[in-house]
Structure formats: C-alpha cells, structure tokens
PDB file of all heavy atoms in Angstrom:
ATOM      1  N   ASP A   1       0.836  -1.192   0.000  1.00  0.00           N
ATOM      2  CA  ASP A   1       0.000   0.000   0.000  1.00  0.00           C
ATOM      3  C   ASP A   1       0.871   1.242   0.000  1.00  0.00           C
ATOM      4  O   ASP A   1       1.908   1.301   0.673  1.00  0.00           O
ATOM      5  CB  ASP A   1      -0.916   0.020   1.221  1.00  0.00           C
ATOM      6  CG  ASP A   1      -1.946  -1.099   1.173  1.00  0.00           C
ATOM      7  OD1 ASP A   1      -2.253  -1.564   0.057  1.00  0.00           O
ATOM      8  OD2 ASP A   1      -2.418  -1.513   2.254  1.00  0.00           O
ATOM      9  N   ALA A   2       0.422   2.245  -0.723  1.00  0.00           N
ATOM     10  CA  ALA A   2       1.199   3.478  -0.824  1.00  0.00           C
ATOM     11  C   ALA A   2       1.336   4.156   0.540  1.00  0.00           C
ATOM     12  O   ALA A   2       2.399   4.665   0.883  1.00  0.00           O
ATOM     13  CB  ALA A   2       0.553   4.429  -1.830  1.00  0.00           C
ATOM     14  N   ARG A   3       0.258   4.144   1.296  1.00  0.00           N
ATOM     15  CA  ARG A   3       0.290   4.693   2.642  1.00  0.00           C
ATOM     16  C   ARG A   3       0.406   3.510   3.608  1.00  0.00           C
ATOM     17  O   ARG A   3      -0.589   2.882   3.960  1.00  0.00           O
ATOM     18  CB  ARG A   3      -0.928   5.551   2.926  1.00  0.00           C
ATOM     19  CG  ARG A   3      -0.988   6.759   1.996  1.00  0.00           C
ATOM     20  CD  ARG A   3      -1.981   7.802   2.414  1.00  0.00           C
ATOM     21  NE  ARG A   3      -1.911   8.966   1.554  1.00  0.00           N
ATOM     22  CZ  ARG A   3      -2.610  10.078   1.721  1.00  0.00           C
ATOM     23  NH1 ARG A   3      -3.458  10.167   2.760  1.00  0.00           N
ATOM     24  NH2 ARG A   3      -2.488  11.097   0.892  1.00  0.00           N
ATOM     25  N   VAL A   4       1.627   3.256   3.986  1.00  0.00           N
ATOM     26  CA  VAL A   4       1.942   2.026   4.703  1.00  0.00           C
ATOM     27  C   VAL A   4       1.325   2.049   6.102  1.00  0.00           C
ATOM     28  O   VAL A   4       1.344   3.071   6.798  1.00  0.00           O
ATOM     29  CB  VAL A   4       3.466   1.841   4.810  1.00  0.00           C
ATOM     30  CG1 VAL A   4       3.807   0.557   5.558  1.00  0.00           C
ATOM     31  CG2 VAL A   4       4.086   1.823   3.416  1.00  0.00           C
ATOM     32  N   ARG A   5       0.811   0.885   6.501  1.00  0.00           N
ATOM     33  CA  ARG A   5       0.262   0.710   7.836  1.00  0.00           C
ATOM     34  C   ARG A   5       1.258  -0.086   8.686  1.00  0.00           C
ATOM     35  O   ARG A   5       1.771  -1.117   8.255  1.00  0.00           O
ATOM     36  CB  ARG A   5      -1.074  -0.022   7.789  1.00  0.00           C
ATOM     37  CG  ARG A   5      -1.692  -0.269   9.172  1.00  0.00           C
ATOM     38  CD  ARG A   5      -3.012  -1.002   9.075  1.00  0.00           C
ATOM     39  NE  ARG A   5      -3.599  -1.231  10.390  1.00  0.00           N
ATOM     40  CZ  ARG A   5      -4.341  -0.362  11.066  1.00  0.00           C
ATOM     41  NH1 ARG A   5      -4.594   0.830  10.523  1.00  0.00           N
ATOM     42  NH2 ARG A   5      -4.832  -0.642  12.254  1.00  0.00           N
ATOM     43  N   PHE A   6       1.527   0.402   9.895  1.00  0.00           N
ATOM     44  CA  PHE A   6       2.436  -0.260  10.833  1.00  0.00           C
ATOM     45  C   PHE A   6       1.636  -0.731  12.041  1.00  0.00           C
ATOM     46  O   PHE A   6       0.776  -0.002  12.550  1.00  0.00           O
ATOM     47  CB  PHE A   6       3.548   0.690  11.279  1.00  0.00           C
ATOM     48  CG  PHE A   6       4.410   1.185  10.154  1.00  0.00           C
ATOM     49  CD1 PHE A   6       4.059   2.322   9.429  1.00  0.00           C
ATOM     50  CD2 PHE A   6       5.569   0.510   9.805  1.00  0.00           C
ATOM     51  CE1 PHE A   6       4.844   2.785   8.391  1.00  0.00           C
ATOM     52  CE2 PHE A   6       6.368   0.963   8.777  1.00  0.00           C
ATOM     53  CZ  PHE A   6       6.002   2.099   8.054  1.00  0.00           C
ATOM     54  N   GLU A   7       1.964  -1.934  12.516  1.00  0.00           N
ATOM     55  CA  GLU A   7       1.278  -2.479  13.682  1.00  0.00           C
ATOM     56  C   GLU A   7       2.300  -3.141  14.602  1.00  0.00           C
ATOM     57  O   GLU A   7       3.315  -3.670  14.143  1.00  0.00           O
ATOM     58  CB  GLU A   7       0.221  -3.517  13.273  1.00  0.00           C
ATOM     59  CG  GLU A   7      -0.897  -2.951  12.416  1.00  0.00           C
ATOM     60  CD  GLU A   7      -1.906  -4.011  12.010  1.00  0.00           C
ATOM     61  OE1 GLU A   7      -1.743  -5.182  12.453  1.00  0.00           O
ATOM     62  OE2 GLU A   7      -2.843  -3.691  11.260  1.00  0.00           O
ATOM     63  N   TRP A   8       2.017  -3.123  15.913  1.00  0.00           N
ATOM     64  CA  TRP A   8       2.887  -3.764  16.895  1.00  0.00           C
ATOM     65  C   TRP A   8       2.033  -4.244  18.069  1.00  0.00           C
ATOM     66  O   TRP A   8       0.851  -3.910  18.181  1.00  0.00           O
ATOM     67  CB  TRP A   8       3.963  -2.792  17.374  1.00  0.00           C
ATOM     68  CG  TRP A   8       3.440  -1.464  17.854  1.00  0.00           C
ATOM     69  CD1 TRP A   8       3.033  -1.127  19.107  1.00  0.00           C
ATOM     70  CD2 TRP A   8       3.246  -0.280  17.041  1.00  0.00           C
ATOM     71  NE1 TRP A   8       2.612   0.172  19.149  1.00  0.00           N
ATOM     72  CE2 TRP A   8       2.744   0.720  17.900  1.00  0.00           C
ATOM     73  CE3 TRP A   8       3.470   0.027  15.699  1.00  0.00           C
ATOM     74  CZ2 TRP A   8       2.448   2.007  17.457  1.00  0.00           C
ATOM     75  CZ3 TRP A   8       3.180   1.302  15.251  1.00  0.00           C
ATOM     76  CH2 TRP A   8       2.678   2.276  16.124  1.00  0.00           C
ATOM     77  N   ALA A   9       2.642  -5.044  18.941  1.00  0.00           N
ATOM     78  CA  ALA A   9       1.914  -5.618  20.073  1.00  0.00           C
ATOM     79  C   ALA A   9       1.496  -4.529  21.057  1.00  0.00           C
ATOM     80  O   ALA A   9       2.261  -3.609  21.350  1.00  0.00           O
ATOM     81  CB  ALA A   9       2.773  -6.665  20.778  1.00  0.00           C
ATOM     82  N   HIS A  10       0.275  -4.648  21.561  1.00  0.00           N
ATOM     83  CA  HIS A  10      -0.253  -3.671  22.514  1.00  0.00           C
ATOM     84  C   HIS A  10       0.271  -3.947  23.918  1.00  0.00           C
ATOM     85  O   HIS A  10       0.323  -5.095  24.369  1.00  0.00           O
ATOM     86  CB  HIS A  10      -1.774  -3.720  22.521  1.00  0.00           C
ATOM     87  CG  HIS A  10      -2.393  -2.896  23.596  1.00  0.00           C
ATOM     88  ND1 HIS A  10      -2.250  -1.527  23.669  1.00  0.00           N
ATOM     89  CD2 HIS A  10      -3.159  -3.256  24.677  1.00  0.00           C
ATOM     90  CE1 HIS A  10      -2.901  -1.074  24.727  1.00  0.00           C
ATOM     91  NE2 HIS A  10      -3.456  -2.100  25.360  1.00  0.00           N
ATOM     92  N   ASN A  11       0.692  -2.905  24.612  1.00  0.00           N
ATOM     93  CA  ASN A  11       1.094  -2.994  26.005  1.00  0.00           C
ATOM     94  C   ASN A  11       0.015  -2.332  26.855  1.00  0.00           C
ATOM     95  O   ASN A  11      -0.229  -1.135  26.733  1.00  0.00           O
ATOM     96  CB  ASN A  11       2.440  -2.294  26.223  1.00  0.00           C
ATOM     97  CG  ASN A  11       2.963  -2.431  27.633  1.00  0.00           C
ATOM     98  OD1 ASN A  11       2.219  -2.657  28.576  1.00  0.00           O
ATOM     99  ND2 ASN A  11       4.272  -2.304  27.784  1.00  0.00           N
ATOM    100  N   PRO A  12      -0.671  -3.105  27.726  1.00  0.00           N
ATOM    101  CA  PRO A  12      -1.765  -2.514  28.504  1.00  0.00           C
ATOM    102  C   PRO A  12      -1.325  -1.374  29.422  1.00  0.00           C
ATOM    103  O   PRO A  12      -2.145  -0.559  29.831  1.00  0.00           O
ATOM    104  CB  PRO A  12      -2.304  -3.695  29.331  1.00  0.00           C
ATOM    105  CG  PRO A  12      -1.599  -4.898  28.884  1.00  0.00           C
ATOM    106  CD  PRO A  12      -0.471  -4.511  28.005  1.00  0.00           C
ATOM    107  N   GLU A  13      -0.026  -1.327  29.749  1.00  0.00           N
ATOM    108  CA  GLU A  13       0.467  -0.283  30.637  1.00  0.00           C
ATOM    109  C   GLU A  13       1.039   0.913  29.874  1.00  0.00           C
ATOM    110  O   GLU A  13       1.592   1.826  30.488  1.00  0.00           O
ATOM    111  CB  GLU A  13       1.553  -0.858  31.561  1.00  0.00           C
ATOM    112  CG  GLU A  13       1.049  -1.999  32.447  1.00  0.00           C
ATOM    113  CD  GLU A  13       2.141  -2.579  33.306  1.00  0.00           C
ATOM    114  OE1 GLU A  13       3.316  -2.149  33.146  1.00  0.00           O
ATOM    115  OE2 GLU A  13       1.842  -3.451  34.144  1.00  0.00           O
ATOM    116  N   ALA A  14       0.913   0.903  28.572  1.00  0.00           N
ATOM    117  CA  ALA A  14       1.522   1.951  27.753  1.00  0.00           C
ATOM    118  C   ALA A  14       0.882   3.302  28.023  1.00  0.00           C
ATOM    119  O   ALA A  14      -0.343   3.445  28.027  1.00  0.00           O
ATOM    120  CB  ALA A  14       1.395   1.596  26.280  1.00  0.00           C
ATOM    121  N   GLY A  15       1.735   4.311  28.249  1.00  0.00           N
ATOM    122  CA  GLY A  15       1.264   5.681  28.287  1.00  0.00           C
ATOM    123  C   GLY A  15       1.356   6.322  26.917  1.00  0.00           C
ATOM    124  O   GLY A  15       0.520   7.133  26.533  1.00  0.00           O
ATOM    125  N   ALA A  16       2.384   5.932  26.166  1.00  0.00           N
ATOM    126  CA  ALA A  16       2.564   6.406  24.796  1.00  0.00           C
ATOM    127  C   ALA A  16       3.533   5.476  24.089  1.00  0.00           C
ATOM    128  O   ALA A  16       4.385   4.836  24.712  1.00  0.00           O
ATOM    129  CB  ALA A  16       3.098   7.833  24.785  1.00  0.00           C
ATOM    130  N   TYR A  17       3.367   5.405  22.778  1.00  0.00           N
ATOM    131  CA  TYR A  17       4.293   4.656  21.946  1.00  0.00           C
ATOM    132  C   TYR A  17       5.171   5.637  21.174  1.00  0.00           C
ATOM    133  O   TYR A  17       4.758   6.756  20.854  1.00  0.00           O
ATOM    134  CB  TYR A  17       3.533   3.764  20.952  1.00  0.00           C
ATOM    135  CG  TYR A  17       2.727   2.677  21.612  1.00  0.00           C
ATOM    136  CD1 TYR A  17       1.339   2.781  21.709  1.00  0.00           C
ATOM    137  CD2 TYR A  17       3.336   1.542  22.119  1.00  0.00           C
ATOM    138  CE1 TYR A  17       0.581   1.780  22.306  1.00  0.00           C
ATOM    139  CE2 TYR A  17       2.607   0.527  22.711  1.00  0.00           C
ATOM    140  CZ  TYR A  17       1.222   0.660  22.805  1.00  0.00           C
ATOM    141  OH  TYR A  17       0.487  -0.342  23.393  1.00  0.00           O
ATOM    142  N   HIS A  18       6.387   5.182  20.872  1.00  0.00           N
ATOM    143  CA  HIS A  18       7.357   6.007  20.149  1.00  0.00           C
ATOM    144  C   HIS A  18       7.732   5.275  18.866  1.00  0.00           C
ATOM    145  O   HIS A  18       8.186   4.127  18.913  1.00  0.00           O
ATOM    146  CB  HIS A  18       8.589   6.251  21.015  1.00  0.00           C
ATOM    147  CG  HIS A  18       8.245   6.636  22.427  1.00  0.00           C
ATOM    148  ND1 HIS A  18       7.732   7.863  22.753  1.00  0.00           N
ATOM    149  CD2 HIS A  18       8.307   5.929  23.585  1.00  0.00           C
ATOM    150  CE1 HIS A  18       7.508   7.913  24.061  1.00  0.00           C
ATOM    151  NE2 HIS A  18       7.843   6.741  24.579  1.00  0.00           N
ATOM    152  N   PHE A  19       7.556   5.944  17.736  1.00  0.00           N
ATOM    153  CA  PHE A  19       7.727   5.316  16.419  1.00  0.00           C
ATOM    154  C   PHE A  19       8.761   6.082  15.612  1.00  0.00           C
ATOM    155  O   PHE A  19       8.803   7.325  15.642  1.00  0.00           O
ATOM    156  CB  PHE A  19       6.386   5.306  15.684  1.00  0.00           C
ATOM    157  CG  PHE A  19       6.477   4.840  14.261  1.00  0.00           C
ATOM    158  CD1 PHE A  19       6.356   3.493  13.940  1.00  0.00           C
ATOM    159  CD2 PHE A  19       6.689   5.749  13.229  1.00  0.00           C
ATOM    160  CE1 PHE A  19       6.446   3.065  12.629  1.00  0.00           C
ATOM    161  CE2 PHE A  19       6.778   5.327  11.914  1.00  0.00           C
ATOM    162  CZ  PHE A  19       6.658   3.983  11.618  1.00  0.00           C
ATOM    163  N   GLN A  20       9.597   5.327  14.907  1.00  0.00           N
ATOM    164  CA  GLN A  20      10.545   5.937  13.978  1.00  0.00           C
ATOM    165  C   GLN A  20      10.597   5.116  12.692  1.00  0.00           C
ATOM    166  O   GLN A  20      10.634   3.881  12.732  1.00  0.00           O
ATOM    167  CB  GLN A  20      11.950   6.013  14.586  1.00  0.00           C
ATOM    168  CG  GLN A  20      12.103   7.071  15.665  1.00  0.00           C
ATOM    169  CD  GLN A  20      13.535   7.203  16.140  1.00  0.00           C
ATOM    170  OE1 GLN A  20      14.364   6.314  15.935  1.00  0.00           O
ATOM    171  NE2 GLN A  20      13.855   8.334  16.766  1.00  0.00           N
ATOM    172  N   LEU A  21      10.636   5.835  11.570  1.00  0.00           N
ATOM    173  CA  LEU A  21      10.824   5.252  10.251  1.00  0.00           C
ATOM    174  C   LEU A  21      12.040   5.921   9.637  1.00  0.00           C
ATOM    175  O   LEU A  21      12.154   7.146   9.644  1.00  0.00           O
ATOM    176  CB  LEU A  21       9.586   5.482   9.372  1.00  0.00           C
ATOM    177  CG  LEU A  21       9.700   5.067   7.907  1.00  0.00           C
ATOM    178  CD1 LEU A  21       9.809   3.557   7.773  1.00  0.00           C
ATOM    179  CD2 LEU A  21       8.505   5.604   7.104  1.00  0.00           C
ATOM    180  N   ALA A  22      12.953   5.103   9.112  1.00  0.00           N
ATOM    181  CA  ALA A  22      14.200   5.654   8.585  1.00  0.00           C
ATOM    182  C   ALA A  22      14.548   5.007   7.258  1.00  0.00           C
ATOM    183  O   ALA A  22      14.063   3.923   6.910  1.00  0.00           O
ATOM    184  CB  ALA A  22      15.346   5.452   9.582  1.00  0.00           C
ATOM    185  N   ALA A  23      15.427   5.700   6.516  1.00  0.00           N
ATOM    186  CA  ALA A  23      15.894   5.195   5.231  1.00  0.00           C
ATOM    187  C   ALA A  23      17.183   4.395   5.367  1.00  0.00           C
ATOM    188  O   ALA A  23      17.705   3.897   4.372  1.00  0.00           O
ATOM    189  CB  ALA A  23      16.103   6.352   4.257  1.00  0.00           C
ATOM    190  N   ASP A  24      17.702   4.264   6.627  1.00  0.00           N
ATOM    191  CA  ASP A  24      18.941   3.522   6.833  1.00  0.00           C
ATOM    192  C   ASP A  24      18.857   2.758   8.147  1.00  0.00           C
ATOM    193  O   ASP A  24      18.103   3.125   9.055  1.00  0.00           O
ATOM    194  CB  ASP A  24      20.145   4.462   6.848  1.00  0.00           C
ATOM    195  CG  ASP A  24      20.098   5.406   8.026  1.00  0.00           C
ATOM    196  OD1 ASP A  24      19.128   6.199   8.112  1.00  0.00           O
ATOM    197  OD2 ASP A  24      20.992   5.339   8.872  1.00  0.00           O
TER     198      ASP A  24
END
C-alpha cells in the first residue's frame, strides 16, 4: 500500500508509543 500501515503488540500499561521510520 502506498500509505503504509504499521502495527505492533499492545502494552496494557503503555502511556505512549514512540515510532521511527528511517531510510537507513
């Protein structure tokens, strides 16, 4: 898909998730 979807395991204690996408 042109607009890529990212998914990861849910942490019930999560206050926030931190995501990074890089070219290297």
